[in-house]
C-alpha atoms as a PDB file:
ATOM      1  CA  MET A   1       0.000   0.000   0.000  1.00  0.00           C
ATOM      2  CA  ALA A   2       1.345   3.407  -0.920  1.00  0.00           C
ATOM      3  CA  LEU A   3       0.028   6.831  -0.030  1.00  0.00           C
ATOM      4  CA  ALA A   4      -0.257   9.528  -2.714  1.00  0.00           C
ATOM      5  CA  LYS A   5       0.213  13.230  -1.955  1.00  0.00           C
ATOM      6  CA  THR A   6      -2.707  15.224  -3.401  1.00  0.00           C
ATOM      7  CA  GLY A   7      -1.557  18.777  -2.727  1.00  0.00           C
ATOM      8  CA  ALA A   8       0.937  21.047  -1.026  1.00  0.00           C
ATOM      9  CA  LYS A   9      -1.081  21.262   2.184  1.00  0.00           C
ATOM     10  CA  TRP A  10      -2.155  18.589   4.602  1.00  0.00           C
ATOM     11  CA  VAL A  11      -5.858  19.142   5.165  1.00  0.00           C
ATOM     12  CA  GLY A  12      -6.901  16.503   7.678  1.00  0.00           C
ATOM     13  CA  ILE A  13      -9.058  13.756   6.299  1.00  0.00           C
ATOM     14  CA  ALA A  14      -9.539  15.608   3.025  1.00  0.00           C
ATOM     15  CA  LEU A  15      -6.266  14.044   1.984  1.00  0.00           C
ATOM     16  CA  VAL A  16      -6.596  10.826   0.112  1.00  0.00           C
ATOM     17  CA  VAL A  17      -4.373   7.835  -0.355  1.00  0.00           C
ATOM     18  CA  THR A  18      -3.713   5.753  -3.403  1.00  0.00           C
ATOM     19  CA  THR A  19      -3.811   2.007  -2.964  1.00  0.00           C
ATOM     20  CA  LEU A  20      -3.575  -0.898  -5.333  1.00  0.00           C
ATOM     21  CA  ALA A  21      -6.995  -2.128  -6.305  1.00  0.00           C
ATOM     22  CA  ALA A  22      -7.849  -5.667  -5.434  1.00  0.00           C
ATOM     23  CA  CYS A  23      -8.525  -6.567  -9.051  1.00  0.00           C
ATOM     24  CA  GLY A  24      -7.380  -5.438 -12.455  1.00  0.00           C
ATOM     25  CA  GLY A  25      -4.314  -3.490 -11.312  1.00  0.00           C
ATOM     26  CA  GLY A  26      -6.263  -0.199 -11.198  1.00  0.00           C
ATOM     27  CA  THR A  27      -6.199   2.394  -8.406  1.00  0.00           C
ATOM     28  CA  GLN A  28      -8.818   3.892  -6.134  1.00  0.00           C
ATOM     29  CA  GLU A  29      -8.737   6.814  -3.740  1.00  0.00           C
ATOM     30  CA  ARG A  30      -9.606   6.453  -0.091  1.00  0.00           C
ATOM     31  CA  PRO A  31      -9.873   9.123   2.605  1.00  0.00           C
ATOM     32  CA  LEU A  32      -7.175   8.953   5.222  1.00  0.00           C
ATOM     33  CA  ASP A  33      -9.597   8.216   8.033  1.00  0.00           C
ATOM     34  CA  SER A  34     -10.498   4.949   6.364  1.00  0.00           C
ATOM     35  CA  PHE A  35      -7.080   3.594   7.321  1.00  0.00           C
ATOM     36  CA  THR A  36      -6.275   2.183  10.736  1.00  0.00           C
ATOM     37  CA  ALA A  37      -4.041   4.006  13.201  1.00  0.00           C
ATOM     38  CA  GLU A  38      -1.359   1.382  12.660  1.00  0.00           C
ATOM     39  CA  GLU A  39      -1.440   1.816   8.877  1.00  0.00           C
ATOM     40  CA  ILE A  40      -1.059   5.593   9.081  1.00  0.00           C
ATOM     41  CA  TYR A  41       1.663   5.267  11.721  1.00  0.00           C
ATOM     42  CA  LYS A  42       3.641   2.818   9.622  1.00  0.00           C
ATOM     43  CA  GLN A  43       3.403   5.098   6.631  1.00  0.00           C
ATOM     44  CA  GLY A  44       5.027   7.801   8.789  1.00  0.00           C
ATOM     45  CA  GLU A  45       7.810   5.371   9.636  1.00  0.00           C
ATOM     46  CA  LEU A  46       8.202   4.571   5.959  1.00  0.00           C
ATOM     47  CA  GLN A  47       8.699   8.245   5.145  1.00  0.00           C
ATOM     48  CA  LEU A  48      11.496   8.374   7.694  1.00  0.00           C
ATOM     49  CA  GLU A  49      13.229   5.114   6.913  1.00  0.00           C
ATOM     50  CA  ALA A  50      12.830   4.745   3.174  1.00  0.00           C
ATOM     51  CA  GLY A  51      12.001   8.213   1.938  1.00  0.00           C
ATOM     52  CA  GLY A  52      14.040  10.282   4.353  1.00  0.00           C
ATOM     53  CA  LYS A  53      11.214  12.814   4.496  1.00  0.00           C
ATOM     54  CA  PRO A  54      10.719  13.956   8.093  1.00  0.00           C
ATOM     55  CA  ASP A  55       8.261  16.669   7.024  1.00  0.00           C
ATOM     56  CA  GLU A  56       5.989  14.045   5.494  1.00  0.00           C
ATOM     57  CA  ALA A  57       6.417  11.766   8.493  1.00  0.00           C
ATOM     58  CA  ILE A  58       5.364  14.582  10.837  1.00  0.00           C
ATOM     59  CA  ARG A  59       2.065  14.920   8.990  1.00  0.00           C
ATOM     60  CA  TYR A  60       1.275  11.227   9.258  1.00  0.00           C
ATOM     61  CA  PHE A  61       2.113  11.087  12.952  1.00  0.00           C
ATOM     62  CA  GLN A  62      -0.011  14.176  13.581  1.00  0.00           C
ATOM     63  CA  GLU A  63      -2.935  12.534  11.839  1.00  0.00           C
ATOM     64  CA  VAL A  64      -2.634   9.411  13.983  1.00  0.00           C
ATOM     65  CA  GLU A  65      -2.871  11.596  17.051  1.00  0.00           C
ATOM     66  CA  ARG A  66      -5.818  13.539  15.641  1.00  0.00           C
ATOM     67  CA  LEU A  67      -7.838  10.629  14.281  1.00  0.00           C
ATOM     68  CA  TYR A  68      -7.098   8.106  17.042  1.00  0.00           C
ATOM     69  CA  PRO A  69      -6.301  10.255  20.112  1.00  0.00           C
ATOM     70  CA  TYR A  70      -6.902   7.559  22.742  1.00  0.00           C
ATOM     71  CA  SER A  71      -5.086   4.708  21.062  1.00  0.00           C
ATOM     72  CA  GLU A  72      -1.698   3.204  21.812  1.00  0.00           C
ATOM     73  CA  TRP A  73      -0.669   4.256  18.320  1.00  0.00           C
ATOM     74  CA  SER A  74      -1.399   7.877  19.223  1.00  0.00           C
ATOM     75  CA  LYS A  75       1.119   7.682  22.069  1.00  0.00           C
ATOM     76  CA  ARG A  76       3.729   6.173  19.762  1.00  0.00           C
ATOM     77  CA  ALA A  77       2.967   8.752  17.087  1.00  0.00           C
ATOM     78  CA  LEU A  78       3.496  11.588  19.564  1.00  0.00           C
ATOM     79  CA  ILE A  79       7.062  10.623  20.434  1.00  0.00           C
ATOM     80  CA  MET A  80       7.808   9.906  16.769  1.00  0.00           C
ATOM     81  CA  GLN A  81       6.397  13.287  15.870  1.00  0.00           C
ATOM     82  CA  ALA A  82       8.895  14.903  18.239  1.00  0.00           C
ATOM     83  CA  PHE A  83      11.701  12.814  16.738  1.00  0.00           C
ATOM     84  CA  SER A  84      10.697  13.774  13.199  1.00  0.00           C
ATOM     85  CA  GLN A  85      10.487  17.454  14.070  1.00  0.00           C
ATOM     86  CA  HIS A  86      13.972  17.329  15.520  1.00  0.00           C
ATOM     87  CA  LYS A  87      15.241  15.530  12.445  1.00  0.00           C
ATOM     88  CA  ALA A  88      13.655  18.234  10.282  1.00  0.00           C
ATOM     89  CA  GLY A  89      15.417  20.960  12.285  1.00  0.00           C
ATOM     90  CA  GLU A  90      12.155  22.172  13.837  1.00  0.00           C
ATOM     91  CA  TYR A  91      13.722  22.376  17.275  1.00  0.00           C
ATOM     92  CA  GLU A  92      11.151  24.519  19.041  1.00  0.00           C
ATOM     93  CA  GLU A  93       8.328  22.320  17.765  1.00  0.00           C
ATOM     94  CA  ALA A  94      10.248  19.196  18.809  1.00  0.00           C
ATOM     95  CA  ARG A  95      10.612  20.541  22.343  1.00  0.00           C
ATOM     96  CA  SER A  96       6.927  21.396  22.534  1.00  0.00           C
ATOM     97  CA  THR A  97       5.869  17.953  21.310  1.00  0.00           C
ATOM     98  CA  ALA A  98       8.302  16.149  23.617  1.00  0.00           C
ATOM     99  CA  GLN A  99       6.973  18.181  26.542  1.00  0.00           C
ATOM    100  CA  ARG A 100       3.413  17.192  25.622  1.00  0.00           C
ATOM    101  CA  PHE A 101       4.522  13.576  25.691  1.00  0.00           C
ATOM    102  CA  LEU A 102       6.047  13.995  29.148  1.00  0.00           C
ATOM    103  CA  ASP A 103       2.944  15.780  30.414  1.00  0.00           C
ATOM    104  CA  SER A 104       0.673  13.028  29.072  1.00  0.00           C
ATOM    105  CA  TYR A 105       2.827   9.962  29.766  1.00  0.00           C
ATOM    106  CA  PRO A 106       5.319  10.838  32.538  1.00  0.00           C
ATOM    107  CA  GLY A 107       5.852   7.209  33.543  1.00  0.00           C
ATOM    108  CA  ASP A 108       6.133   5.760  30.058  1.00  0.00           C
ATOM    109  CA  ASP A 109       9.217   3.855  28.922  1.00  0.00           C
ATOM    110  CA  ASP A 110       9.819   6.562  26.309  1.00  0.00           C
ATOM    111  CA  ALA A 111       9.783   9.392  28.869  1.00  0.00           C
ATOM    112  CA  PRO A 112      13.614   9.364  29.199  1.00  0.00           C
ATOM    113  CA  TYR A 113      13.921   9.705  25.430  1.00  0.00           C
ATOM    114  CA  ALA A 114      11.432  12.580  25.374  1.00  0.00           C
ATOM    115  CA  ALA A 115      13.494  14.410  28.013  1.00  0.00           C
ATOM    116  CA  TYR A 116      16.702  13.635  26.123  1.00  0.00           C
ATOM    117  CA  LEU A 117      15.163  14.890  22.884  1.00  0.00           C
ATOM    118  CA  MET A 118      14.268  18.183  24.546  1.00  0.00           C
ATOM    119  CA  ALA A 119      17.841  18.652  25.730  1.00  0.00           C
ATOM    120  CA  LEU A 120      19.206  17.571  22.355  1.00  0.00           C
ATOM    121  CA  SER A 121      17.099  20.172  20.573  1.00  0.00           C
ATOM    122  CA  TYR A 122      19.021  22.847  22.496  1.00  0.00           C
ATOM    123  CA  TYR A 123      22.370  21.102  22.183  1.00  0.00           C
ATOM    124  CA  ASP A 124      22.176  20.793  18.402  1.00  0.00           C
ATOM    125  CA  GLN A 125      21.840  24.571  18.100  1.00  0.00           C
ATOM    126  CA  ILE A 126      24.900  25.470  20.160  1.00  0.00           C
ATOM    127  CA  ASP A 127      27.081  26.269  17.148  1.00  0.00           C
ATOM    128  CA  GLU A 128      24.414  28.609  15.811  1.00  0.00           C
ATOM    129  CA  VAL A 129      24.114  30.954  18.762  1.00  0.00           C
ATOM    130  CA  GLY A 130      27.252  33.093  18.372  1.00  0.00           C
ATOM    131  CA  ARG A 131      28.002  34.946  21.582  1.00  0.00           C
ATOM    132  CA  ASP A 132      24.517  34.340  23.008  1.00  0.00           C
ATOM    133  CA  GLN A 133      24.937  31.305  25.241  1.00  0.00           C
ATOM    134  CA  GLY A 134      21.338  31.020  26.439  1.00  0.00           C
ATOM    135  CA  LEU A 135      20.715  27.846  24.458  1.00  0.00           C
ATOM    136  CA  THR A 136      23.920  26.308  25.790  1.00  0.00           C
ATOM    137  CA  PHE A 137      22.709  26.820  29.346  1.00  0.00           C
ATOM    138  CA  GLN A 138      19.356  25.306  28.367  1.00  0.00           C
ATOM    139  CA  ALA A 139      21.172  22.302  26.901  1.00  0.00           C
ATOM    140  CA  LEU A 140      23.138  21.875  30.127  1.00  0.00           C
ATOM    141  CA  GLN A 141      19.976  22.057  32.183  1.00  0.00           C
ATOM    142  CA  GLY A 142      18.216  19.569  29.928  1.00  0.00           C
ATOM    143  CA  MET A 143      21.089  17.083  29.961  1.00  0.00           C
ATOM    144  CA  ARG A 144      21.308  17.370  33.743  1.00  0.00           C
ATOM    145  CA  THR A 145      17.602  16.522  33.948  1.00  0.00           C
ATOM    146  CA  VAL A 146      18.169  13.330  31.955  1.00  0.00           C
ATOM    147  CA  ILE A 147      21.188  12.384  34.068  1.00  0.00           C
ATOM    148  CA  GLU A 148      19.469  13.006  37.395  1.00  0.00           C
ATOM    149  CA  GLN A 149      15.924  11.826  36.667  1.00  0.00           C
ATOM    150  CA  TYR A 150      16.751   8.883  34.405  1.00  0.00           C
ATOM    151  CA  PRO A 151      20.207   7.706  35.538  1.00  0.00           C
ATOM    152  CA  ASP A 152      19.586   4.105  34.488  1.00  0.00           C
ATOM    153  CA  SER A 153      18.207   4.922  31.053  1.00  0.00           C
ATOM    154  CA  ASP A 154      19.957   4.311  27.758  1.00  0.00           C
ATOM    155  CA  TYR A 155      20.300   8.074  27.320  1.00  0.00           C
ATOM    156  CA  ALA A 156      22.043   9.000  30.578  1.00  0.00           C
ATOM    157  CA  ARG A 157      25.532   8.183  29.286  1.00  0.00           C
ATOM    158  CA  SER A 158      25.040  10.188  26.103  1.00  0.00           C
ATOM    159  CA  ALA A 159      23.616  13.051  28.156  1.00  0.00           C
ATOM    160  CA  MET A 160      26.713  13.032  30.389  1.00  0.00           C
ATOM    161  CA  LEU A 161      29.024  13.232  27.392  1.00  0.00           C
ATOM    162  CA  LYS A 162      27.060  16.053  25.791  1.00  0.00           C
ATOM    163  CA  PHE A 163      26.886  17.861  29.136  1.00  0.00           C
ATOM    164  CA  GLU A 164      30.672  17.857  29.313  1.00  0.00           C
ATOM    165  CA  LEU A 165      30.969  19.056  25.717  1.00  0.00           C
ATOM    166  CA  ALA A 166      28.462  21.862  26.270  1.00  0.00           C
ATOM    167  CA  PHE A 167      30.263  22.838  29.483  1.00  0.00           C
ATOM    168  CA  ASP A 168      33.527  22.938  27.554  1.00  0.00           C
ATOM    169  CA  HIS A 169      31.837  25.049  24.902  1.00  0.00           C
ATOM    170  CA  LEU A 170      30.880  27.669  27.483  1.00  0.00           C
ATOM    171  CA  ALA A 171      34.445  27.805  28.735  1.00  0.00           C
ATOM    172  CA  GLY A 172      35.648  28.142  25.151  1.00  0.00           C
ATOM    173  CA  LYS A 173      33.411  31.159  24.633  1.00  0.00           C
ATOM    174  CA  GLU A 174      34.814  32.791  27.759  1.00  0.00           C
ATOM    175  CA  MET A 175      38.310  32.176  26.409  1.00  0.00           C
ATOM    176  CA  GLU A 176      37.410  33.604  23.021  1.00  0.00           C
ATOM    177  CA  ILE A 177      36.159  36.842  24.561  1.00  0.00           C
ATOM    178  CA  GLY A 178      39.088  36.973  26.987  1.00  0.00           C
ATOM    179  CA  ARG A 179      41.610  36.650  24.163  1.00  0.00           C
ATOM    180  CA  TYR A 180      39.803  39.426  22.314  1.00  0.00           C
ATOM    181  CA  TYR A 181      40.259  41.774  25.268  1.00  0.00           C
ATOM    182  CA  LEU A 182      43.830  40.651  25.879  1.00  0.00           C
ATOM    183  CA  LYS A 183      44.822  41.345  22.295  1.00  0.00           C
ATOM    184  CA  ARG A 184      43.552  44.882  22.721  1.00  0.00           C
ATOM    185  CA  ARG A 185      45.348  45.253  26.061  1.00  0.00           C
ATOM    186  CA  ASN A 186      42.108  45.586  27.959  1.00  0.00           C
ATOM    187  CA  TYR A 187      43.698  43.556  30.705  1.00  0.00           C
ATOM    188  CA  THR A 188      41.055  43.957  33.389  1.00  0.00           C
ATOM    189  CA  ALA A 189      38.239  42.749  31.134  1.00  0.00           C
ATOM    190  CA  ALA A 190      40.410  39.867  29.940  1.00  0.00           C
ATOM    191  CA  ILE A 191      41.247  38.841  33.511  1.00  0.00           C
ATOM    192  CA  ASN A 192      37.555  38.685  34.401  1.00  0.00           C
ATOM    193  CA  ARG A 193      36.943  36.179  31.590  1.00  0.00           C
ATOM    194  CA  PHE A 194      39.962  34.010  32.368  1.00  0.00           C
ATOM    195  CA  ARG A 195      39.101  34.076  36.065  1.00  0.00           C
ATOM    196  CA  THR A 196      35.650  32.681  35.239  1.00  0.00           C
ATOM    197  CA  VAL A 197      37.252  29.761  33.411  1.00  0.00           C
ATOM    198  CA  VAL A 198      39.662  28.995  36.277  1.00  0.00           C
ATOM    199  CA  GLN A 199      37.018  29.242  38.978  1.00  0.00           C
ATOM    200  CA  ASP A 200      33.900  27.897  37.267  1.00  0.00           C
ATOM    201  CA  PHE A 201      35.224  25.646  34.497  1.00  0.00           C
ATOM    202  CA  GLN A 202      38.210  23.925  36.100  1.00  0.00           C
ATOM    203  CA  THR A 203      37.351  20.542  34.630  1.00  0.00           C
ATOM    204  CA  THR A 204      37.373  21.731  31.017  1.00  0.00           C
ATOM    205  CA  THR A 205      40.194  21.638  28.487  1.00  0.00           C
ATOM    206  CA  HIS A 206      40.669  25.413  28.675  1.00  0.00           C
ATOM    207  CA  THR A 207      42.008  25.812  32.205  1.00  0.00           C
ATOM    208  CA  ALA A 208      45.700  25.592  31.316  1.00  0.00           C
ATOM    209  CA  GLU A 209      45.432  28.309  28.693  1.00  0.00           C
ATOM    210  CA  ALA A 210      43.313  30.463  31.004  1.00  0.00           C
ATOM    211  CA  LEU A 211      46.063  30.371  33.644  1.00  0.00           C
ATOM    212  CA  HIS A 212      48.689  31.270  31.065  1.00  0.00           C
ATOM    213  CA  ARG A 213      46.607  34.171  29.779  1.00  0.00           C
ATOM    214  CA  LEU A 214      46.248  35.365  33.360  1.00  0.00           C
ATOM    215  CA  VAL A 215      50.039  35.433  33.586  1.00  0.00           C
ATOM    216  CA  GLU A 216      50.156  37.571  30.444  1.00  0.00           C
ATOM    217  CA  ALA A 217      47.388  39.906  31.597  1.00  0.00           C
ATOM    218  CA  TYR A 218      48.730  40.407  35.115  1.00  0.00           C
ATOM    219  CA  LEU A 219      52.228  41.067  33.797  1.00  0.00           C
ATOM    220  CA  GLY A 220      50.676  43.596  31.440  1.00  0.00           C
ATOM    221  CA  LEU A 221      49.231  45.397  34.444  1.00  0.00           C
ATOM    222  CA  GLY A 222      52.431  45.042  36.442  1.00  0.00           C
ATOM    223  CA  PHE A 223      50.845  42.715  39.013  1.00  0.00           C
ATOM    224  CA  ASN A 224      53.790  40.370  39.383  1.00  0.00           C
ATOM    225  CA  ALA A 225      52.539  38.469  42.436  1.00  0.00           C
ATOM    226  CA  GLU A 226      49.316  37.466  40.706  1.00  0.00           C
ATOM    227  CA  ALA A 227      51.223  36.445  37.569  1.00  0.00           C
ATOM    228  CA  GLN A 228      53.612  34.300  39.618  1.00  0.00           C
ATOM    229  CA  THR A 229      50.742  32.629  41.464  1.00  0.00           C
ATOM    230  CA  ALA A 230      48.871  31.841  38.249  1.00  0.00           C
ATOM    231  CA  ALA A 231      52.051  30.283  36.858  1.00  0.00           C
ATOM    232  CA  ALA A 232      52.549  28.277  40.059  1.00  0.00           C
ATOM    233  CA  ILE A 233      49.061  26.751  39.709  1.00  0.00           C
ATOM    234  CA  LEU A 234      49.721  26.112  36.039  1.00  0.00           C
ATOM    235  CA  GLY A 235      53.016  24.422  36.796  1.00  0.00           C
ATOM    236  CA  TYR A 236      51.546  22.222  39.491  1.00  0.00           C
ATOM    237  CA  ASN A 237      48.630  20.972  37.419  1.00  0.00           C
ATOM    238  CA  TYR A 238      49.836  21.287  33.826  1.00  0.00           C
ATOM    239  CA  GLN A 239      53.645  21.240  33.908  1.00  0.00           C
ATOM    240  CA  SER A 240      53.797  19.274  30.660  1.00  0.00           C
ATOM    241  CA  SER A 241      51.607  21.812  28.886  1.00  0.00           C
ATOM    242  CA  PRO A 242      53.229  24.165  26.357  1.00  0.00           C
ATOM    243  CA  PHE A 243      51.324  26.951  28.103  1.00  0.00           C
ATOM    244  CA  TYR A 244      53.429  26.393  31.203  1.00  0.00           C
ATOM    245  CA  ASP A 245      56.604  26.679  29.144  1.00  0.00           C
ATOM    246  CA  ASP A 246      55.358  29.987  27.733  1.00  0.00           C
ATOM    247  CA  SER A 247      54.471  31.319  31.176  1.00  0.00           C
ATOM    248  CA  PHE A 248      57.801  30.202  32.612  1.00  0.00           C
ATOM    249  CA  ARG A 249      59.691  32.052  29.872  1.00  0.00           C
ATOM    250  CA  LEU A 250      57.635  35.209  30.408  1.00  0.00           C
ATOM    251  CA  LEU A 251      58.386  35.234  34.116  1.00  0.00           C
ATOM    252  CA  LYS A 252      62.049  34.317  33.672  1.00  0.00           C
ATOM    253  CA  GLY A 253      62.434  37.229  31.267  1.00  0.00           C
ATOM    254  CA  ARG A 254      61.468  39.538  34.111  1.00  0.00           C
ATOM    255  CA  GLY A 255      63.540  37.822  36.743  1.00  0.00           C
ATOM    256  CA  LEU A 256      60.522  36.142  38.296  1.00  0.00           C
ATOM    257  CA  ALA A 257      59.642  32.530  39.097  1.00  0.00           C
ATOM    258  CA  PRO A 258      56.371  30.585  39.379  1.00  0.00           C
ATOM    259  CA  GLU A 259      55.454  30.675  43.058  1.00  0.00           C
ATOM    260  CA  ALA A 260      52.470  31.595  45.186  1.00  0.00           C
ATOM    261  CA  GLN A 261      52.663  35.247  46.162  1.00  0.00           C
ATOM    262  CA  GLY A 262      50.371  37.847  47.693  1.00  0.00           C
ATOM    263  CA  ASP A 263      46.810  37.330  48.886  1.00  0.00           C
ATOM    264  CA  SER A 264      44.684  37.563  45.750  1.00  0.00           C
ATOM    265  CA  TRP A 265      41.867  35.260  44.582  1.00  0.00           C
ATOM    266  CA  LEU A 266      44.546  33.173  42.865  1.00  0.00           C
ATOM    267  CA  ARG A 267      46.242  32.531  46.186  1.00  0.00           C
ATOM    268  CA  THR A 268      42.923  31.129  47.402  1.00  0.00           C
ATOM    269  CA  VAL A 269      42.730  28.893  44.330  1.00  0.00           C
ATOM    270  CA  TYR A 270      46.319  27.814  44.989  1.00  0.00           C
ATOM    271  CA  ARG A 271      45.525  26.829  48.585  1.00  0.00           C
ATOM    272  CA  GLN A 272      42.430  24.924  47.505  1.00  0.00           C
ATOM    273  CA  MET A 273      43.845  23.117  44.482  1.00  0.00           C
ATOM    274  CA  ILE A 274      47.340  22.356  45.721  1.00  0.00           C
ATOM    275  CA  ARG A 275      47.181  22.280  49.492  1.00  0.00           C
ATOM    276  CA  GLY A 276      43.564  21.128  49.792  1.00  0.00           C
ATOM    277  CA  GLU A 277      42.751  24.004  52.166  1.00  0.00           C
ATOM    278  CA  TRP A 278      39.074  24.611  51.487  1.00  0.00           C
ATOM    279  CA  LEU A 279      38.192  26.483  54.673  1.00  0.00           C
END
């Protein structure tokens, strides 16, 4: 059985389907509501799997929900509708549909996937947001929800990985802005960005560079004690990093050495990270 598209718009049951006639090889048209929920649902799956047409699949899944709202197929169609919308790049619609699924079937086996799909719809837009990181924070919040509420689900591990990547992305944006300020010798603004990375994003891949850039910025301001302390932390945690070599050469050129000095916020970080003095 194959369904035929009769126009550019999907107009409920006014749409018709083309099916092979039982005799003579001819065709006949049937209204969509003459098909079972399963038949319409499977045609939606066919559009996804064979045709690669998520827009068409969305329409079929919507019709299952509309024509057979209290059936098991309607529940399946709802989660598949959210999946198809995400696949089609309709992220806001995917989130809305996934939320409807969670509201209607909070204890269903597909609830973890619905929550994961909501988080994924934010995550997949991260590279599109430029300097606006609102969607990245939403992705982090969504992935955390999956991890905490569905820790034993098939999606928790993937959510953890994507959480770490999104977290790293935020740190990377802080570094990007910090380097921009540093290049223009706006040292104070640069320090604020690098400080955020060191204090709030210590587990990311950007911490070593952030410490090195702090050395550069503090030396630019003439704050030698802070520069030495930043280098001391860098040397203790990332001595094999090329950033430590760069910081060491900068300090050596001024007759300085990496060591904890003064009583700045970096000295506090030094005590916490190296000496384990958290109080």
